[in-house]
Amino acid sequence: MNNILINILSICVLFFSCVQKKDNTFAESVDLDSLMSNKRDSSFIQQVQYLPLETNENSMIARLDVIKKQGNKIFILDKTLSTVFIFNDKGDFVSKINKKGRGPGEYLYLKDFFVSN
């Protein structure tokens, strides 16, 4: 009985010691110069601006699906999180819309959105 228990514990130790820790960091860089040098795109791209968005525990975007700008606000839909993030035109986080549920004022899934005055 002791040998069976020791064998099971040894297998468990080996199994859990072989698991690799995942690196959840992800960064993607885009070469804007190469994008702008494409002759096809230059007919409708007039200006490219880089706007760093504020990052804190409330403004972490998993996936950028839709971007809309209304006045001095930038709205970003993240379908993965079913959340619309709102930033000002300086990139500062303002708020987010994330009332997922089945109750009044809540939604089940966000596919798109529109902004009105």
C-alpha atoms as a PDB file:
ATOM      1  CA  MET A   1       0.000   0.000   0.000  1.00  0.00           C
ATOM      2  CA  ASN A   2       2.841   2.369   0.845  1.00  0.00           C
ATOM      3  CA  ASN A   3       4.515   1.703  -2.523  1.00  0.00           C
ATOM      4  CA  ILE A   4       1.320   2.588  -4.398  1.00  0.00           C
ATOM      5  CA  LEU A   5       0.974   5.852  -2.473  1.00  0.00           C
ATOM      6  CA  ILE A   6       4.637   6.748  -3.074  1.00  0.00           C
ATOM      7  CA  ASN A   7       4.284   5.985  -6.791  1.00  0.00           C
ATOM      8  CA  ILE A   8       1.162   8.147  -7.098  1.00  0.00           C
ATOM      9  CA  LEU A   9       2.836  11.037  -5.258  1.00  0.00           C
ATOM     10  CA  SER A  10       5.938  10.697  -7.448  1.00  0.00           C
ATOM     11  CA  ILE A  11       3.836  10.839 -10.616  1.00  0.00           C
ATOM     12  CA  CYS A  12       1.971  13.914  -9.312  1.00  0.00           C
ATOM     13  CA  VAL A  13       5.236  15.682  -8.470  1.00  0.00           C
ATOM     14  CA  LEU A  14       6.657  14.903 -11.917  1.00  0.00           C
ATOM     15  CA  PHE A  15       3.469  16.013 -13.654  1.00  0.00           C
ATOM     16  CA  PHE A  16       3.182  19.346 -11.870  1.00  0.00           C
ATOM     17  CA  SER A  17       6.899  20.119 -12.082  1.00  0.00           C
ATOM     18  CA  CYS A  18       6.827  19.819 -15.882  1.00  0.00           C
ATOM     19  CA  VAL A  19       4.155  22.475 -16.363  1.00  0.00           C
ATOM     20  CA  GLN A  20       5.568  25.644 -17.908  1.00  0.00           C
ATOM     21  CA  LYS A  21       4.500  29.029 -16.666  1.00  0.00           C
ATOM     22  CA  LYS A  22       2.810  31.047 -19.413  1.00  0.00           C
ATOM     23  CA  ASP A  23       3.993  34.529 -20.246  1.00  0.00           C
ATOM     24  CA  ASN A  24       0.829  36.623 -20.579  1.00  0.00           C
ATOM     25  CA  THR A  25       2.585  39.730 -21.844  1.00  0.00           C
ATOM     26  CA  PHE A  26       1.833  40.717 -25.413  1.00  0.00           C
ATOM     27  CA  ALA A  27       3.057  43.642 -27.409  1.00  0.00           C
ATOM     28  CA  GLU A  28       2.588  44.340 -31.066  1.00  0.00           C
ATOM     29  CA  SER A  29       4.518  46.945 -32.960  1.00  0.00           C
ATOM     30  CA  VAL A  30       3.542  48.390 -36.305  1.00  0.00           C
ATOM     31  CA  ASP A  31       5.952  50.074 -38.699  1.00  0.00           C
ATOM     32  CA  LEU A  32       3.935  53.155 -39.658  1.00  0.00           C
ATOM     33  CA  ASP A  33       6.493  54.275 -42.252  1.00  0.00           C
ATOM     34  CA  SER A  34       6.035  51.095 -44.241  1.00  0.00           C
ATOM     35  CA  LEU A  35       2.258  51.475 -44.036  1.00  0.00           C
ATOM     36  CA  MET A  36       2.407  55.047 -45.313  1.00  0.00           C
ATOM     37  CA  SER A  37       4.819  54.143 -48.115  1.00  0.00           C
ATOM     38  CA  ASN A  38       2.207  51.887 -49.697  1.00  0.00           C
ATOM     39  CA  LYS A  39       1.052  53.866 -52.764  1.00  0.00           C
ATOM     40  CA  ARG A  40      -2.374  52.249 -52.721  1.00  0.00           C
ATOM     41  CA  ASP A  41      -3.167  53.550 -49.237  1.00  0.00           C
ATOM     42  CA  SER A  42      -1.802  57.059 -49.700  1.00  0.00           C
ATOM     43  CA  SER A  43      -4.928  58.138 -51.608  1.00  0.00           C
ATOM     44  CA  PHE A  44      -7.147  57.919 -48.524  1.00  0.00           C
ATOM     45  CA  ILE A  45      -4.661  58.231 -45.626  1.00  0.00           C
ATOM     46  CA  GLN A  46      -3.867  61.882 -45.118  1.00  0.00           C
ATOM     47  CA  GLN A  47      -2.372  61.835 -41.639  1.00  0.00           C
ATOM     48  CA  VAL A  48      -1.231  59.298 -39.071  1.00  0.00           C
ATOM     49  CA  GLN A  49      -1.151  60.166 -35.376  1.00  0.00           C
ATOM     50  CA  TYR A  50       0.111  58.087 -32.502  1.00  0.00           C
ATOM     51  CA  LEU A  51      -1.994  58.475 -29.353  1.00  0.00           C
ATOM     52  CA  PRO A  52      -0.834  56.485 -26.319  1.00  0.00           C
ATOM     53  CA  LEU A  53      -3.865  55.490 -24.250  1.00  0.00           C
ATOM     54  CA  GLU A  54      -3.778  55.583 -20.473  1.00  0.00           C
ATOM     55  CA  THR A  55      -3.380  52.135 -19.011  1.00  0.00           C
ATOM     56  CA  ASN A  56      -4.601  51.267 -15.550  1.00  0.00           C
ATOM     57  CA  GLU A  57      -6.588  48.399 -14.035  1.00  0.00           C
ATOM     58  CA  ASN A  58      -9.852  49.834 -15.457  1.00  0.00           C
ATOM     59  CA  SER A  59      -8.656  50.567 -18.989  1.00  0.00           C
ATOM     60  CA  MET A  60      -6.951  47.350 -20.091  1.00  0.00           C
ATOM     61  CA  ILE A  61      -8.194  46.457 -23.573  1.00  0.00           C
ATOM     62  CA  ALA A  62      -7.928  42.802 -24.611  1.00  0.00           C
ATOM     63  CA  ARG A  63      -8.887  43.243 -28.260  1.00  0.00           C
ATOM     64  CA  LEU A  64      -9.555  46.343 -30.313  1.00  0.00           C
ATOM     65  CA  ASP A  65     -12.591  45.648 -32.542  1.00  0.00           C
ATOM     66  CA  VAL A  66     -14.272  49.009 -33.285  1.00  0.00           C
ATOM     67  CA  ILE A  67     -13.048  52.599 -32.849  1.00  0.00           C
ATOM     68  CA  LYS A  68     -15.317  55.626 -33.128  1.00  0.00           C
ATOM     69  CA  LYS A  69     -14.622  59.285 -32.381  1.00  0.00           C
ATOM     70  CA  GLN A  70     -17.325  61.745 -31.364  1.00  0.00           C
ATOM     71  CA  GLY A  71     -16.266  65.249 -30.384  1.00  0.00           C
ATOM     72  CA  ASN A  72     -13.324  64.972 -28.012  1.00  0.00           C
ATOM     73  CA  LYS A  73     -14.089  61.378 -26.998  1.00  0.00           C
ATOM     74  CA  ILE A  74     -12.712  58.123 -28.442  1.00  0.00           C
ATOM     75  CA  PHE A  75     -14.842  54.987 -28.048  1.00  0.00           C
ATOM     76  CA  ILE A  76     -13.244  51.546 -28.361  1.00  0.00           C
ATOM     77  CA  LEU A  77     -15.252  48.332 -28.464  1.00  0.00           C
ATOM     78  CA  ASP A  78     -13.623  45.201 -27.102  1.00  0.00           C
ATOM     79  CA  LYS A  79     -15.849  42.247 -28.083  1.00  0.00           C
ATOM     80  CA  THR A  80     -13.784  39.829 -25.985  1.00  0.00           C
ATOM     81  CA  LEU A  81     -14.624  41.746 -22.801  1.00  0.00           C
ATOM     82  CA  SER A  82     -18.026  42.999 -24.102  1.00  0.00           C
ATOM     83  CA  THR A  83     -16.931  46.472 -23.054  1.00  0.00           C
ATOM     84  CA  VAL A  84     -16.812  49.926 -24.628  1.00  0.00           C
ATOM     85  CA  PHE A  85     -13.867  51.946 -23.326  1.00  0.00           C
ATOM     86  CA  ILE A  86     -14.056  55.753 -23.448  1.00  0.00           C
ATOM     87  CA  PHE A  87     -10.952  57.950 -23.672  1.00  0.00           C
ATOM     88  CA  ASN A  88     -10.584  61.678 -24.249  1.00  0.00           C
ATOM     89  CA  ASP A  89      -8.671  63.051 -27.232  1.00  0.00           C
ATOM     90  CA  LYS A  90      -5.481  63.203 -25.125  1.00  0.00           C
ATOM     91  CA  GLY A  91      -5.636  59.448 -24.455  1.00  0.00           C
ATOM     92  CA  ASP A  92      -6.797  59.734 -20.838  1.00  0.00           C
ATOM     93  CA  PHE A  93      -9.205  57.037 -19.658  1.00  0.00           C
ATOM     94  CA  VAL A  94     -12.648  58.509 -18.940  1.00  0.00           C
ATOM     95  CA  SER A  95     -14.939  55.533 -18.280  1.00  0.00           C
ATOM     96  CA  LYS A  96     -16.233  52.274 -19.667  1.00  0.00           C
ATOM     97  CA  ILE A  97     -19.575  50.702 -20.470  1.00  0.00           C
ATOM     98  CA  ASN A  98     -19.693  47.120 -19.258  1.00  0.00           C
ATOM     99  CA  LYS A  99     -23.102  46.146 -17.931  1.00  0.00           C
ATOM    100  CA  LYS A 100     -23.280  42.587 -19.159  1.00  0.00           C
ATOM    101  CA  GLY A 101     -26.291  40.677 -17.888  1.00  0.00           C
ATOM    102  CA  ARG A 102     -30.001  40.054 -18.368  1.00  0.00           C
ATOM    103  CA  GLY A 103     -31.449  42.895 -16.305  1.00  0.00           C
ATOM    104  CA  PRO A 104     -32.690  46.382 -17.212  1.00  0.00           C
ATOM    105  CA  GLY A 105     -29.959  48.507 -18.778  1.00  0.00           C
ATOM    106  CA  GLU A 106     -27.771  45.441 -19.345  1.00  0.00           C
ATOM    107  CA  TYR A 107     -26.790  43.568 -22.508  1.00  0.00           C
ATOM    108  CA  LEU A 108     -25.835  39.999 -23.381  1.00  0.00           C
ATOM    109  CA  TYR A 109     -23.305  40.671 -26.142  1.00  0.00           C
ATOM    110  CA  LEU A 110     -21.838  43.708 -27.936  1.00  0.00           C
ATOM    111  CA  LYS A 111     -21.293  43.413 -31.671  1.00  0.00           C
ATOM    112  CA  ASP A 112     -21.269  47.118 -32.567  1.00  0.00           C
ATOM    113  CA  PHE A 113     -22.397  50.442 -31.163  1.00  0.00           C
ATOM    114  CA  PHE A 114     -23.226  53.976 -32.208  1.00  0.00           C
ATOM    115  CA  VAL A 115     -22.651  57.293 -30.505  1.00  0.00           C
ATOM    116  CA  SER A 116     -25.209  60.053 -30.501  1.00  0.00           C
ATOM    117  CA  ASN A 117     -25.165  63.519 -29.006  1.00  0.00           C
END
